[in-house]
């Protein structure tokens, strides 16, 4: 008996576990879908036309030094 068949048989005999796994997958799809739509919008494509401009902007943002007080 292989390890894969052991896990397949165990998953087939689950009742509550299948429902919980379905619930977890649905929640993850909803959460990541909302995050993608609202938080990870692609602003660089609308602001810059070339890859070089995008790269320069990102480098500037990552290396900005704090202004002296």
Protein backbone atom coordinates (compact mmCIF):
# COMPACT_ATOMS: atom_id res chain seq x y z
CA UNK A 1 0.00 0.00 0.00
CA UNK A 2 1.54 3.27 -1.04
CA UNK A 3 1.46 6.48 0.94
CA UNK A 4 -0.65 8.19 -1.71
CA UNK A 5 -3.41 5.56 -1.51
CA UNK A 6 -3.32 5.86 2.31
CA UNK A 7 -4.11 9.59 2.09
CA UNK A 8 -6.71 9.09 -0.67
CA UNK A 9 -8.57 6.46 1.37
CA UNK A 10 -8.42 8.64 4.46
CA UNK A 11 -9.82 11.64 2.62
CA UNK A 12 -12.61 9.55 1.05
CA UNK A 13 -13.80 8.36 4.46
CA UNK A 14 -13.99 11.89 5.92
CA UNK A 15 -17.37 13.55 6.31
CA UNK A 16 -16.81 16.60 8.47
CA UNK A 17 -13.27 17.02 7.16
CA UNK A 18 -14.44 17.38 3.56
CA UNK A 19 -16.90 20.08 4.56
CA UNK A 20 -14.24 21.94 6.52
CA UNK A 21 -11.75 21.74 3.64
CA UNK A 22 -14.38 23.09 1.23
CA UNK A 23 -15.10 25.94 3.64
CA UNK A 24 -11.40 26.74 3.99
CA UNK A 25 -10.88 26.79 0.21
CA UNK A 26 -13.92 29.03 -0.34
CA UNK A 27 -12.71 31.46 2.34
CA UNK A 28 -9.23 31.60 0.83
CA UNK A 29 -10.61 32.27 -2.65
CA UNK A 30 -12.79 35.08 -1.31
CA UNK A 31 -10.01 36.61 0.79
CA UNK A 32 -7.42 36.56 -2.00
CA UNK A 33 -9.96 37.77 -4.53
CA UNK A 34 -10.80 40.78 -2.37
CA UNK A 35 -7.13 41.48 -1.67
CA UNK A 36 -6.31 41.36 -5.38
CA UNK A 37 -9.14 43.70 -6.34
CA UNK A 38 -8.79 46.32 -3.60
CA UNK A 39 -5.22 46.20 -2.35
CA UNK A 40 -3.00 44.98 -5.19
CA UNK A 41 -4.13 47.22 -8.01
CA UNK A 42 -1.62 47.78 -10.79
CA UNK A 43 -0.80 51.50 -10.54
CA UNK A 44 2.54 51.32 -12.31
CA UNK A 45 1.01 50.49 -15.69
CA UNK A 46 -1.24 53.55 -15.54
CA UNK A 47 1.53 55.95 -14.44
CA UNK A 48 4.49 54.83 -16.55
CA UNK A 49 4.81 53.65 -20.13
CA UNK A 50 8.16 51.83 -20.14
CA UNK A 51 9.77 49.23 -17.92
CA UNK A 52 12.73 51.54 -17.30
CA UNK A 53 10.48 54.26 -15.86
CA UNK A 54 8.77 51.71 -13.63
CA UNK A 55 12.10 50.35 -12.40
CA UNK A 56 13.44 53.84 -11.64
CA UNK A 57 10.30 54.71 -9.69
CA UNK A 58 10.51 51.52 -7.61
CA UNK A 59 14.22 52.07 -6.91
CA UNK A 60 13.53 55.66 -5.82
CA UNK A 61 10.75 54.52 -3.50
CA UNK A 62 12.89 51.79 -1.96
CA UNK A 63 15.95 53.97 -1.46
CA UNK A 64 14.32 57.19 -0.31
CA UNK A 65 16.26 58.54 2.62
CA UNK A 66 14.47 60.11 5.53
CA UNK A 67 14.60 63.88 5.34
CA UNK A 68 16.66 65.58 8.01
CA UNK A 69 14.60 67.32 10.66
